[in-house]
N, C-alpha and C. Protein backbone atom coordinates (compact mmCIF):
# COMPACT_ATOMS: atom_id res chain seq x y z
N MET A 1 31.88 -193.59 -103.09
CA MET A 1 31.58 -193.53 -104.49
C MET A 1 30.56 -192.42 -104.76
N GLU A 2 30.91 -191.57 -105.59
CA GLU A 2 30.05 -190.42 -105.88
C GLU A 2 28.85 -190.82 -106.68
N GLU A 3 27.73 -190.15 -106.28
CA GLU A 3 26.50 -190.43 -107.02
C GLU A 3 26.52 -189.64 -108.32
N ASN A 4 26.05 -190.31 -109.30
CA ASN A 4 25.96 -189.64 -110.60
C ASN A 4 24.63 -188.87 -110.66
N LYS A 5 24.74 -187.57 -110.70
CA LYS A 5 23.53 -186.74 -110.76
C LYS A 5 23.23 -186.41 -112.21
N ASN A 6 21.98 -186.57 -112.46
CA ASN A 6 21.51 -186.28 -113.81
C ASN A 6 21.37 -184.76 -113.97
N PRO A 7 22.06 -184.16 -114.90
CA PRO A 7 21.96 -182.71 -115.11
C PRO A 7 20.53 -182.28 -115.37
N CYS A 8 19.75 -183.10 -115.99
CA CYS A 8 18.36 -182.78 -116.29
C CYS A 8 17.56 -182.67 -115.01
N THR A 9 17.87 -183.58 -114.07
CA THR A 9 17.17 -183.58 -112.78
C THR A 9 17.49 -182.32 -112.00
N GLU A 10 18.77 -181.94 -111.98
CA GLU A 10 19.17 -180.70 -111.28
C GLU A 10 18.48 -179.48 -111.86
N GLU A 11 18.41 -179.45 -113.14
CA GLU A 11 17.78 -178.31 -113.81
C GLU A 11 16.31 -178.26 -113.48
N CYS A 12 15.65 -179.41 -113.44
CA CYS A 12 14.22 -179.47 -113.13
C CYS A 12 13.98 -179.02 -111.69
N GLU A 13 14.88 -179.48 -110.78
CA GLU A 13 14.72 -179.07 -109.38
C GLU A 13 14.89 -177.56 -109.24
N SER A 14 15.87 -177.01 -109.96
CA SER A 14 16.13 -175.56 -109.91
C SER A 14 14.93 -174.79 -110.44
N THR A 15 14.38 -175.29 -111.53
CA THR A 15 13.21 -174.63 -112.13
C THR A 15 12.03 -174.71 -111.19
N ALA A 16 11.88 -175.86 -110.55
CA ALA A 16 10.77 -176.06 -109.62
C ALA A 16 10.90 -175.10 -108.44
N GLU A 17 12.13 -174.99 -107.91
CA GLU A 17 12.36 -174.06 -106.80
C GLU A 17 12.05 -172.62 -107.23
N GLN A 18 12.46 -172.29 -108.42
CA GLN A 18 12.23 -170.94 -108.93
C GLN A 18 10.74 -170.66 -109.07
N VAL A 19 10.01 -171.65 -109.59
CA VAL A 19 8.56 -171.51 -109.76
C VAL A 19 7.89 -171.34 -108.40
N VAL A 20 8.37 -172.16 -107.43
CA VAL A 20 7.80 -172.08 -106.08
C VAL A 20 8.08 -170.69 -105.49
N ASN A 21 9.31 -170.22 -105.64
CA ASN A 21 9.66 -168.88 -105.13
C ASN A 21 8.81 -167.79 -105.77
N GLU A 22 8.66 -167.87 -107.09
CA GLU A 22 7.84 -166.88 -107.80
C GLU A 22 6.40 -166.93 -107.32
N ALA A 23 5.90 -168.13 -107.11
CA ALA A 23 4.52 -168.30 -106.63
C ALA A 23 4.37 -167.69 -105.25
N GLU A 24 5.40 -167.91 -104.40
CA GLU A 24 5.35 -167.33 -103.05
C GLU A 24 5.36 -165.80 -103.12
N VAL A 25 6.22 -165.26 -104.00
CA VAL A 25 6.31 -163.81 -104.16
C VAL A 25 4.98 -163.26 -104.64
N GLU A 26 4.40 -163.92 -105.65
CA GLU A 26 3.12 -163.47 -106.20
C GLU A 26 2.04 -163.53 -105.14
N SER A 27 2.09 -164.62 -104.35
CA SER A 27 1.10 -164.79 -103.27
C SER A 27 1.24 -163.68 -102.24
N THR A 28 2.51 -163.38 -101.90
CA THR A 28 2.77 -162.31 -100.93
C THR A 28 2.29 -160.97 -101.47
N GLU A 29 2.60 -160.69 -102.75
CA GLU A 29 2.17 -159.44 -103.38
C GLU A 29 0.64 -159.34 -103.43
N ALA A 30 0.02 -160.47 -103.76
CA ALA A 30 -1.45 -160.49 -103.85
C ALA A 30 -2.05 -160.21 -102.47
N GLU A 31 -1.42 -160.84 -101.43
CA GLU A 31 -1.91 -160.59 -100.07
C GLU A 31 -1.74 -159.12 -99.68
N GLU A 32 -0.57 -158.57 -100.03
CA GLU A 32 -0.33 -157.16 -99.71
C GLU A 32 -1.32 -156.25 -100.44
N ASN A 33 -1.51 -156.57 -101.73
CA ASN A 33 -2.46 -155.77 -102.52
C ASN A 33 -3.87 -155.86 -101.94
N GLU A 34 -4.22 -157.07 -101.54
CA GLU A 34 -5.55 -157.28 -100.96
C GLU A 34 -5.68 -156.49 -99.65
N THR A 35 -4.60 -156.54 -98.86
CA THR A 35 -4.61 -155.80 -97.59
C THR A 35 -4.75 -154.30 -97.83
N VAL A 36 -3.98 -153.80 -98.81
CA VAL A 36 -4.05 -152.37 -99.17
C VAL A 36 -5.44 -152.02 -99.68
N LYS A 37 -5.98 -152.91 -100.51
CA LYS A 37 -7.31 -152.67 -101.07
C LYS A 37 -8.36 -152.61 -99.97
N GLU A 38 -8.24 -153.57 -99.03
CA GLU A 38 -9.18 -153.59 -97.90
C GLU A 38 -9.06 -152.30 -97.07
N ALA A 39 -7.78 -151.90 -96.84
CA ALA A 39 -7.55 -150.67 -96.06
C ALA A 39 -8.12 -149.46 -96.80
N ASP A 40 -7.92 -149.46 -98.14
CA ASP A 40 -8.47 -148.37 -98.95
C ASP A 40 -9.99 -148.33 -98.87
N GLU A 41 -10.59 -149.52 -98.96
CA GLU A 41 -12.04 -149.59 -98.90
C GLU A 41 -12.56 -149.13 -97.54
N LYS A 42 -11.82 -149.51 -96.47
CA LYS A 42 -12.24 -149.11 -95.13
C LYS A 42 -12.09 -147.58 -94.95
N CYS A 43 -10.92 -147.04 -95.43
CA CYS A 43 -10.64 -145.62 -95.23
C CYS A 43 -11.31 -144.74 -96.28
N SER A 44 -11.60 -145.29 -97.43
CA SER A 44 -12.06 -144.46 -98.54
C SER A 44 -13.36 -143.74 -98.23
N SER A 45 -14.30 -144.38 -97.59
CA SER A 45 -15.58 -143.72 -97.31
C SER A 45 -15.37 -142.54 -96.36
N LYS A 46 -14.54 -142.70 -95.33
CA LYS A 46 -14.26 -141.60 -94.41
C LYS A 46 -13.45 -140.51 -95.09
N ASP A 47 -12.42 -140.95 -95.82
CA ASP A 47 -11.56 -139.98 -96.51
C ASP A 47 -12.30 -139.20 -97.58
N LYS A 48 -13.18 -139.92 -98.31
CA LYS A 48 -13.93 -139.24 -99.35
C LYS A 48 -14.81 -138.14 -98.76
N LYS A 49 -15.42 -138.46 -97.60
CA LYS A 49 -16.24 -137.46 -96.93
C LYS A 49 -15.40 -136.26 -96.52
N LYS A 50 -14.19 -136.56 -95.97
CA LYS A 50 -13.29 -135.48 -95.55
C LYS A 50 -12.85 -134.64 -96.75
N ILE A 51 -12.52 -135.33 -97.84
CA ILE A 51 -12.06 -134.62 -99.05
C ILE A 51 -13.17 -133.74 -99.61
N LYS A 52 -14.41 -134.31 -99.65
CA LYS A 52 -15.54 -133.52 -100.15
C LYS A 52 -15.79 -132.32 -99.27
N LYS A 53 -15.69 -132.54 -97.95
CA LYS A 53 -15.89 -131.45 -97.01
C LYS A 53 -14.83 -130.36 -97.20
N ALA A 54 -13.55 -130.82 -97.36
CA ALA A 54 -12.45 -129.87 -97.58
C ALA A 54 -12.63 -129.10 -98.88
N GLU A 55 -13.06 -129.80 -99.94
CA GLU A 55 -13.28 -129.15 -101.23
C GLU A 55 -14.40 -128.11 -101.13
N ALA A 56 -15.47 -128.47 -100.41
CA ALA A 56 -16.58 -127.53 -100.22
C ALA A 56 -16.11 -126.30 -99.44
N GLU A 57 -15.27 -126.53 -98.43
CA GLU A 57 -14.73 -125.43 -97.63
C GLU A 57 -13.86 -124.51 -98.48
N ILE A 58 -13.01 -125.12 -99.32
CA ILE A 58 -12.14 -124.34 -100.23
C ILE A 58 -12.98 -123.52 -101.19
N GLU A 59 -14.02 -124.13 -101.74
CA GLU A 59 -14.89 -123.43 -102.69
C GLU A 59 -15.58 -122.24 -101.99
N LYS A 60 -16.03 -122.48 -100.76
CA LYS A 60 -16.68 -121.42 -99.99
C LYS A 60 -15.70 -120.28 -99.72
N LEU A 61 -14.46 -120.62 -99.33
CA LEU A 61 -13.44 -119.62 -99.04
C LEU A 61 -13.08 -118.82 -100.30
N ASN A 62 -13.00 -119.52 -101.45
CA ASN A 62 -12.72 -118.83 -102.72
C ASN A 62 -13.83 -117.85 -103.07
N ALA A 63 -15.08 -118.26 -102.83
CA ALA A 63 -16.22 -117.36 -103.11
C ALA A 63 -16.16 -116.14 -102.20
N GLU A 64 -15.84 -116.37 -100.91
CA GLU A 64 -15.73 -115.26 -99.96
C GLU A 64 -14.59 -114.32 -100.35
N LEU A 65 -13.47 -114.92 -100.78
CA LEU A 65 -12.32 -114.11 -101.20
C LEU A 65 -12.67 -113.26 -102.42
N ALA A 66 -13.38 -113.85 -103.39
CA ALA A 66 -13.78 -113.10 -104.59
C ALA A 66 -14.72 -111.96 -104.22
N GLU A 67 -15.63 -112.22 -103.26
CA GLU A 67 -16.56 -111.18 -102.82
C GLU A 67 -15.83 -110.03 -102.12
N GLU A 68 -14.87 -110.40 -101.24
CA GLU A 68 -14.09 -109.37 -100.53
C GLU A 68 -13.23 -108.57 -101.51
N LYS A 69 -12.68 -109.27 -102.51
CA LYS A 69 -11.87 -108.58 -103.52
C LYS A 69 -12.72 -107.59 -104.31
N ASP A 70 -13.95 -108.00 -104.65
CA ASP A 70 -14.87 -107.12 -105.37
C ASP A 70 -15.21 -105.90 -104.53
N LYS A 71 -15.48 -106.13 -103.21
CA LYS A 71 -15.77 -105.01 -102.30
C LYS A 71 -14.58 -104.06 -102.23
N TYR A 72 -13.37 -104.63 -102.15
CA TYR A 72 -12.16 -103.80 -102.07
C TYR A 72 -11.99 -102.96 -103.32
N MET A 73 -12.19 -103.57 -104.49
CA MET A 73 -12.02 -102.85 -105.75
C MET A 73 -13.04 -101.71 -105.86
N ARG A 74 -14.29 -101.97 -105.43
CA ARG A 74 -15.31 -100.92 -105.46
C ARG A 74 -14.95 -99.78 -104.52
N LEU A 75 -14.51 -100.16 -103.30
CA LEU A 75 -14.12 -99.15 -102.31
C LEU A 75 -12.94 -98.32 -102.81
N TYR A 76 -11.97 -99.00 -103.44
CA TYR A 76 -10.80 -98.29 -103.97
C TYR A 76 -11.22 -97.31 -105.06
N ALA A 77 -12.13 -97.76 -105.95
CA ALA A 77 -12.60 -96.89 -107.04
C ALA A 77 -13.35 -95.67 -106.47
N GLU A 78 -14.19 -95.92 -105.45
CA GLU A 78 -14.92 -94.81 -104.83
C GLU A 78 -13.96 -93.82 -104.18
N TYR A 79 -12.95 -94.35 -103.49
CA TYR A 79 -11.98 -93.47 -102.83
C TYR A 79 -11.21 -92.65 -103.86
N ASP A 80 -10.82 -93.31 -104.96
CA ASP A 80 -10.06 -92.61 -106.00
C ASP A 80 -10.90 -91.49 -106.61
N ASN A 81 -12.19 -91.77 -106.86
CA ASN A 81 -13.09 -90.74 -107.39
C ASN A 81 -13.25 -89.60 -106.39
N PHE A 82 -13.39 -89.96 -105.10
CA PHE A 82 -13.54 -88.94 -104.06
C PHE A 82 -12.29 -88.06 -104.00
N ARG A 83 -11.11 -88.70 -104.08
CA ARG A 83 -9.85 -87.95 -104.02
C ARG A 83 -9.74 -86.98 -105.20
N LYS A 84 -10.07 -87.44 -106.39
CA LYS A 84 -10.00 -86.58 -107.58
C LYS A 84 -11.01 -85.43 -107.49
N ARG A 85 -12.24 -85.77 -107.03
CA ARG A 85 -13.28 -84.76 -106.91
C ARG A 85 -12.88 -83.70 -105.87
N SER A 86 -12.32 -84.16 -104.75
CA SER A 86 -11.89 -83.23 -103.69
C SER A 86 -10.79 -82.31 -104.18
N ALA A 87 -9.82 -82.88 -104.93
CA ALA A 87 -8.72 -82.07 -105.46
C ALA A 87 -9.26 -81.02 -106.43
N LYS A 88 -10.23 -81.43 -107.26
CA LYS A 88 -10.81 -80.49 -108.23
C LYS A 88 -11.58 -79.39 -107.50
N GLU A 89 -12.33 -79.78 -106.44
CA GLU A 89 -13.09 -78.79 -105.67
C GLU A 89 -12.15 -77.80 -104.98
N ARG A 90 -11.03 -78.34 -104.43
CA ARG A 90 -10.06 -77.46 -103.77
C ARG A 90 -9.50 -76.45 -104.76
N GLU A 91 -9.15 -76.95 -105.95
CA GLU A 91 -8.62 -76.05 -106.98
C GLU A 91 -9.67 -75.00 -107.36
N GLY A 92 -10.94 -75.45 -107.48
CA GLY A 92 -12.01 -74.52 -107.83
C GLY A 92 -12.24 -73.47 -106.76
N VAL A 93 -12.19 -73.90 -105.49
CA VAL A 93 -12.38 -72.96 -104.38
C VAL A 93 -11.25 -71.94 -104.37
N PHE A 94 -10.03 -72.42 -104.57
CA PHE A 94 -8.88 -71.51 -104.60
C PHE A 94 -9.00 -70.51 -105.74
N ALA A 95 -9.37 -71.02 -106.93
CA ALA A 95 -9.50 -70.15 -108.10
C ALA A 95 -10.60 -69.11 -107.88
N ASP A 96 -11.72 -69.54 -107.31
CA ASP A 96 -12.83 -68.61 -107.05
C ASP A 96 -12.42 -67.53 -106.05
N ALA A 97 -11.74 -67.95 -104.97
CA ALA A 97 -11.30 -66.99 -103.95
C ALA A 97 -10.29 -66.01 -104.55
N TYR A 98 -9.40 -66.53 -105.40
CA TYR A 98 -8.39 -65.69 -106.06
C TYR A 98 -9.06 -64.65 -106.95
N CYS A 99 -10.05 -65.10 -107.73
CA CYS A 99 -10.75 -64.19 -108.63
C CYS A 99 -11.57 -63.17 -107.85
N ASP A 100 -12.18 -63.61 -106.74
CA ASP A 100 -12.94 -62.66 -105.90
C ASP A 100 -12.03 -61.56 -105.35
N ALA A 101 -10.84 -61.95 -104.92
CA ALA A 101 -9.89 -60.97 -104.39
C ALA A 101 -9.49 -59.97 -105.47
N LEU A 102 -9.24 -60.49 -106.68
CA LEU A 102 -8.87 -59.61 -107.79
C LEU A 102 -10.01 -58.65 -108.14
N THR A 103 -11.24 -59.15 -108.09
CA THR A 103 -12.40 -58.31 -108.40
C THR A 103 -12.51 -57.14 -107.42
N GLN A 104 -12.15 -57.40 -106.16
CA GLN A 104 -12.21 -56.33 -105.15
C GLN A 104 -11.14 -55.26 -105.39
N ILE A 105 -10.08 -55.62 -106.11
CA ILE A 105 -9.00 -54.66 -106.38
C ILE A 105 -9.32 -53.76 -107.58
N LEU A 106 -10.20 -54.23 -108.47
CA LEU A 106 -10.48 -53.49 -109.71
C LEU A 106 -10.97 -52.05 -109.49
N PRO A 107 -11.81 -51.77 -108.49
CA PRO A 107 -12.20 -50.35 -108.28
C PRO A 107 -11.02 -49.44 -107.97
N ILE A 108 -9.99 -49.98 -107.32
CA ILE A 108 -8.79 -49.17 -107.05
C ILE A 108 -8.13 -48.78 -108.37
N LEU A 109 -8.07 -49.73 -109.28
CA LEU A 109 -7.51 -49.45 -110.61
C LEU A 109 -8.34 -48.40 -111.33
N ASP A 110 -9.66 -48.50 -111.22
CA ASP A 110 -10.55 -47.49 -111.85
C ASP A 110 -10.26 -46.10 -111.30
N ASN A 111 -10.11 -46.02 -109.98
CA ASN A 111 -9.86 -44.71 -109.34
C ASN A 111 -8.51 -44.13 -109.76
N LEU A 112 -7.50 -45.00 -109.87
CA LEU A 112 -6.19 -44.52 -110.32
C LEU A 112 -6.26 -43.99 -111.75
N GLU A 113 -7.03 -44.68 -112.62
CA GLU A 113 -7.18 -44.23 -114.01
C GLU A 113 -7.91 -42.88 -114.07
N ARG A 114 -8.93 -42.73 -113.22
CA ARG A 114 -9.66 -41.44 -113.19
C ARG A 114 -8.74 -40.32 -112.71
N ALA A 115 -7.94 -40.64 -111.69
CA ALA A 115 -7.02 -39.61 -111.15
C ALA A 115 -5.96 -39.24 -112.16
N ALA A 116 -5.58 -40.20 -113.02
CA ALA A 116 -4.53 -39.93 -114.01
C ALA A 116 -5.05 -39.08 -115.17
N GLN A 117 -6.38 -38.93 -115.30
CA GLN A 117 -6.95 -38.12 -116.39
C GLN A 117 -6.98 -36.65 -115.95
N PHE A 118 -5.79 -36.09 -115.94
CA PHE A 118 -5.65 -34.69 -115.51
C PHE A 118 -5.54 -33.79 -116.73
N SER A 119 -5.61 -32.50 -116.50
CA SER A 119 -5.51 -31.55 -117.61
C SER A 119 -4.07 -31.47 -118.11
N PRO A 120 -3.86 -31.12 -119.41
CA PRO A 120 -2.52 -31.10 -120.00
C PRO A 120 -1.53 -30.22 -119.26
N GLU A 121 -1.97 -29.11 -118.66
CA GLU A 121 -1.02 -28.23 -117.97
C GLU A 121 -0.47 -28.87 -116.69
N ASP A 122 -1.21 -29.87 -116.16
CA ASP A 122 -0.74 -30.56 -114.95
C ASP A 122 0.10 -31.79 -115.28
N ALA A 123 0.26 -32.12 -116.56
CA ALA A 123 0.92 -33.37 -116.98
C ALA A 123 2.35 -33.48 -116.49
N GLU A 124 3.04 -32.36 -116.32
CA GLU A 124 4.45 -32.40 -115.92
C GLU A 124 4.65 -32.26 -114.41
N SER A 125 3.58 -32.13 -113.67
CA SER A 125 3.72 -31.98 -112.22
C SER A 125 4.19 -33.30 -111.60
N PRO A 126 4.94 -33.22 -110.51
CA PRO A 126 5.42 -34.45 -109.85
C PRO A 126 4.29 -35.40 -109.44
N MET A 127 3.17 -34.82 -109.03
CA MET A 127 2.05 -35.66 -108.61
C MET A 127 1.47 -36.44 -109.79
N ALA A 128 1.35 -35.75 -110.94
CA ALA A 128 0.82 -36.40 -112.14
C ALA A 128 1.75 -37.52 -112.60
N LYS A 129 3.05 -37.25 -112.54
CA LYS A 129 4.02 -38.28 -112.94
C LYS A 129 3.99 -39.46 -111.97
N GLY A 130 3.83 -39.17 -110.67
CA GLY A 130 3.74 -40.24 -109.67
C GLY A 130 2.51 -41.11 -109.88
N LEU A 131 1.38 -40.46 -110.20
CA LEU A 131 0.15 -41.21 -110.49
C LEU A 131 0.32 -42.10 -111.72
N GLU A 132 0.96 -41.53 -112.74
CA GLU A 132 1.18 -42.28 -113.99
C GLU A 132 2.04 -43.53 -113.73
N LEU A 133 3.11 -43.34 -112.96
CA LEU A 133 3.99 -44.48 -112.64
C LEU A 133 3.27 -45.52 -111.78
N THR A 134 2.47 -45.05 -110.82
CA THR A 134 1.71 -45.96 -109.96
C THR A 134 0.72 -46.78 -110.77
N LEU A 135 0.02 -46.09 -111.68
CA LEU A 135 -0.96 -46.76 -112.54
C LEU A 135 -0.28 -47.80 -113.44
N LYS A 136 0.86 -47.40 -114.01
CA LYS A 136 1.62 -48.32 -114.88
C LYS A 136 2.07 -49.55 -114.10
N SER A 137 2.58 -49.33 -112.90
CA SER A 137 3.04 -50.43 -112.05
C SER A 137 1.87 -51.35 -111.67
N PHE A 138 0.73 -50.75 -111.37
CA PHE A 138 -0.46 -51.51 -110.99
C PHE A 138 -0.90 -52.42 -112.14
N ILE A 139 -0.94 -51.87 -113.36
CA ILE A 139 -1.37 -52.64 -114.53
C ILE A 139 -0.38 -53.78 -114.82
N GLU A 140 0.92 -53.50 -114.70
CA GLU A 140 1.95 -54.53 -114.92
C GLU A 140 1.79 -55.68 -113.91
N THR A 141 1.51 -55.31 -112.65
CA THR A 141 1.32 -56.33 -111.61
C THR A 141 0.10 -57.19 -111.91
N MET A 142 -0.98 -56.55 -112.35
CA MET A 142 -2.20 -57.30 -112.69
C MET A 142 -1.94 -58.24 -113.87
N ASN A 143 -1.16 -57.75 -114.84
CA ASN A 143 -0.82 -58.60 -115.99
C ASN A 143 0.00 -59.81 -115.58
N LYS A 144 0.93 -59.61 -114.62
CA LYS A 144 1.72 -60.73 -114.11
C LYS A 144 0.84 -61.75 -113.40
N MET A 145 -0.25 -61.28 -112.81
CA MET A 145 -1.19 -62.18 -112.12
C MET A 145 -2.18 -62.81 -113.10
N GLY A 146 -2.02 -62.49 -114.38
CA GLY A 146 -2.88 -63.10 -115.41
C GLY A 146 -4.15 -62.33 -115.69
N VAL A 147 -4.25 -61.10 -115.21
CA VAL A 147 -5.46 -60.29 -115.42
C VAL A 147 -5.21 -59.32 -116.57
N TYR A 148 -6.12 -59.35 -117.55
CA TYR A 148 -5.98 -58.48 -118.71
C TYR A 148 -7.30 -57.76 -118.99
N GLU A 149 -7.17 -56.58 -119.59
CA GLU A 149 -8.36 -55.80 -119.95
C GLU A 149 -9.06 -56.47 -121.13
N ILE A 150 -10.38 -56.50 -121.06
CA ILE A 150 -11.17 -57.05 -122.18
C ILE A 150 -11.30 -55.96 -123.24
N GLU A 151 -10.87 -56.27 -124.44
CA GLU A 151 -10.95 -55.30 -125.53
C GLU A 151 -12.41 -55.12 -125.92
N ALA A 152 -12.83 -53.87 -126.00
CA ALA A 152 -14.24 -53.60 -126.30
C ALA A 152 -14.44 -52.55 -127.38
N LEU A 153 -13.78 -51.42 -127.25
CA LEU A 153 -14.01 -50.30 -128.17
C LEU A 153 -13.70 -50.70 -129.61
N GLY A 154 -14.69 -50.53 -130.51
CA GLY A 154 -14.52 -50.86 -131.92
C GLY A 154 -14.72 -52.34 -132.22
N LYS A 155 -14.93 -53.15 -131.20
CA LYS A 155 -15.14 -54.59 -131.40
C LYS A 155 -16.63 -54.89 -131.53
N GLU A 156 -16.93 -56.05 -132.05
CA GLU A 156 -18.33 -56.48 -132.14
C GLU A 156 -18.82 -56.87 -130.74
N PHE A 157 -20.05 -56.51 -130.43
CA PHE A 157 -20.60 -56.80 -129.11
C PHE A 157 -20.65 -58.31 -128.86
N ASP A 158 -20.12 -58.71 -127.71
CA ASP A 158 -20.11 -60.13 -127.31
C ASP A 158 -20.74 -60.21 -125.93
N PRO A 159 -21.92 -60.82 -125.83
CA PRO A 159 -22.60 -60.89 -124.52
C PRO A 159 -21.82 -61.67 -123.47
N ASN A 160 -20.85 -62.47 -123.90
CA ASN A 160 -20.02 -63.23 -122.95
C ASN A 160 -18.93 -62.36 -122.32
N LEU A 161 -18.68 -61.17 -122.94
CA LEU A 161 -17.63 -60.29 -122.44
C LEU A 161 -18.11 -58.89 -122.12
N HIS A 162 -19.18 -58.46 -122.79
CA HIS A 162 -19.64 -57.07 -122.66
C HIS A 162 -21.03 -56.99 -122.05
N ASN A 163 -21.27 -55.87 -121.36
CA ASN A 163 -22.58 -55.59 -120.79
C ASN A 163 -23.09 -54.30 -121.42
N ALA A 164 -24.07 -54.42 -122.32
CA ALA A 164 -24.58 -53.24 -123.05
C ALA A 164 -25.58 -52.50 -122.17
N VAL A 165 -25.28 -51.24 -121.88
CA VAL A 165 -26.19 -50.42 -121.07
C VAL A 165 -26.89 -49.36 -121.92
N MET A 166 -26.38 -49.17 -123.15
CA MET A 166 -27.01 -48.21 -124.06
C MET A 166 -26.93 -48.71 -125.49
N HIS A 167 -27.98 -48.37 -126.25
CA HIS A 167 -28.00 -48.66 -127.69
C HIS A 167 -28.26 -47.35 -128.43
N VAL A 168 -27.46 -47.12 -129.44
CA VAL A 168 -27.62 -45.89 -130.23
C VAL A 168 -27.60 -46.23 -131.71
N ASP A 169 -28.19 -45.33 -132.52
CA ASP A 169 -28.18 -45.51 -133.98
C ASP A 169 -27.04 -44.71 -134.58
N TYR A 170 -26.13 -45.43 -135.21
CA TYR A 170 -25.01 -44.78 -135.92
C TYR A 170 -24.99 -45.32 -137.34
N GLU A 171 -24.91 -44.40 -138.27
CA GLU A 171 -24.83 -44.82 -139.67
C GLU A 171 -23.39 -45.09 -140.09
N THR A 172 -22.46 -44.50 -139.36
CA THR A 172 -21.04 -44.62 -139.76
C THR A 172 -20.38 -45.90 -139.25
N VAL A 173 -21.00 -46.59 -138.33
CA VAL A 173 -20.40 -47.83 -137.79
C VAL A 173 -21.30 -49.01 -138.07
N GLY A 174 -20.72 -50.18 -137.98
CA GLY A 174 -21.47 -51.40 -138.26
C GLY A 174 -22.43 -51.75 -137.14
N GLU A 175 -23.32 -52.67 -137.45
CA GLU A 175 -24.32 -53.11 -136.47
C GLU A 175 -23.65 -53.92 -135.37
N ASN A 176 -24.15 -53.75 -134.14
CA ASN A 176 -23.64 -54.47 -132.96
C ASN A 176 -22.17 -54.16 -132.67
N GLN A 177 -21.73 -52.98 -133.03
CA GLN A 177 -20.35 -52.59 -132.75
C GLN A 177 -20.32 -51.70 -131.50
N VAL A 178 -19.31 -51.93 -130.65
CA VAL A 178 -19.16 -51.14 -129.43
C VAL A 178 -18.57 -49.79 -129.81
N VAL A 179 -19.30 -48.72 -129.45
CA VAL A 179 -18.86 -47.37 -129.82
C VAL A 179 -18.31 -46.59 -128.62
N GLU A 180 -18.60 -47.04 -127.42
CA GLU A 180 -18.10 -46.33 -126.23
C GLU A 180 -18.02 -47.30 -125.06
N VAL A 181 -16.97 -47.11 -124.22
CA VAL A 181 -16.78 -47.95 -123.04
C VAL A 181 -16.95 -47.07 -121.81
N PHE A 182 -17.94 -47.40 -120.97
CA PHE A 182 -18.18 -46.65 -119.73
C PHE A 182 -17.31 -47.16 -118.58
N MET A 183 -17.12 -48.49 -118.54
CA MET A 183 -16.27 -49.09 -117.51
C MET A 183 -15.54 -50.27 -118.12
N LYS A 184 -14.23 -50.29 -117.95
CA LYS A 184 -13.42 -51.37 -118.53
C LYS A 184 -13.73 -52.71 -117.86
N GLY A 185 -13.70 -53.73 -118.68
CA GLY A 185 -13.88 -55.08 -118.15
C GLY A 185 -12.54 -55.79 -118.08
N TYR A 186 -12.46 -56.79 -117.18
CA TYR A 186 -11.21 -57.52 -117.00
C TYR A 186 -11.50 -59.02 -116.91
N ALA A 187 -10.52 -59.81 -117.37
CA ALA A 187 -10.66 -61.27 -117.33
C ALA A 187 -9.34 -61.89 -116.89
N LYS A 188 -9.47 -63.05 -116.24
CA LYS A 188 -8.28 -63.84 -115.89
C LYS A 188 -8.42 -65.18 -116.57
N GLY A 189 -7.63 -65.37 -117.62
CA GLY A 189 -7.79 -66.59 -118.41
C GLY A 189 -9.15 -66.58 -119.09
N ASP A 190 -9.94 -67.67 -118.88
CA ASP A 190 -11.27 -67.76 -119.47
C ASP A 190 -12.35 -67.17 -118.56
N LYS A 191 -11.98 -66.85 -117.33
CA LYS A 191 -12.97 -66.35 -116.37
C LYS A 191 -13.05 -64.83 -116.42
N VAL A 192 -14.27 -64.31 -116.59
CA VAL A 192 -14.49 -62.86 -116.62
C VAL A 192 -14.61 -62.37 -115.19
N LEU A 193 -13.74 -61.43 -114.81
CA LEU A 193 -13.81 -60.84 -113.47
C LEU A 193 -14.86 -59.73 -113.43
N ARG A 194 -14.92 -58.97 -114.52
CA ARG A 194 -15.91 -57.91 -114.62
C ARG A 194 -16.19 -57.66 -116.10
N TYR A 195 -17.47 -57.58 -116.46
CA TYR A 195 -17.85 -57.34 -117.85
C TYR A 195 -17.65 -55.86 -118.20
N SER A 196 -17.28 -55.63 -119.43
CA SER A 196 -17.12 -54.25 -119.91
C SER A 196 -18.51 -53.62 -120.05
N MET A 197 -18.70 -52.43 -119.45
CA MET A 197 -19.95 -51.72 -119.56
C MET A 197 -19.86 -50.81 -120.79
N VAL A 198 -20.70 -51.07 -121.81
CA VAL A 198 -20.48 -50.42 -123.11
C VAL A 198 -21.76 -49.85 -123.71
N LYS A 199 -21.53 -49.00 -124.72
CA LYS A 199 -22.62 -48.48 -125.57
C LYS A 199 -22.48 -49.16 -126.91
N VAL A 200 -23.60 -49.67 -127.44
CA VAL A 200 -23.56 -50.47 -128.67
C VAL A 200 -24.39 -49.79 -129.74
N ALA A 201 -23.88 -49.83 -130.99
CA ALA A 201 -24.61 -49.29 -132.13
C ALA A 201 -25.56 -50.35 -132.66
N ASN A 202 -26.82 -49.91 -132.96
CA ASN A 202 -27.81 -50.84 -133.50
C ASN A 202 -27.59 -51.04 -134.99
């Protein structure tokens, strides 16, 4: 004969079992949490010291890195300045040597010009024509090298371009005007190779 089970009783037993299971789960979780907490408390003091030590080490390394980077940037800037200065000095040395060489050639040009100032009856001689062509070629070559005669005759005296060796009184010309050129001056660009030697009217 089957026992009559009360549905209410079965439900209560099921609920009771469920409550017991939940309580066991909660108890287990609480124990685990407590164990973890204890482990954290045990390890935390050691770990915190290690973490602080590691953080201090990182901070120190970052400071050293920033210092080395600053040194590198300064060194790079110094090197760049040195490189630019050296390049400028090399260019200056080359330009000075070039101008010195040109200055040494100018007396040859003076001599050719003096030789070309021959008398009119000699103007058609082969030698006179050869001198004229040589002088013309010489001047063209100097012009190609950037060397030009400084204009002086009839110009106002400029101490940056002219060297006055004589002063004379002229009523027909203006004051500080160049009236005669004793030796031609030459310049290459802004650099004067030789100043024009001139006579100036007061």
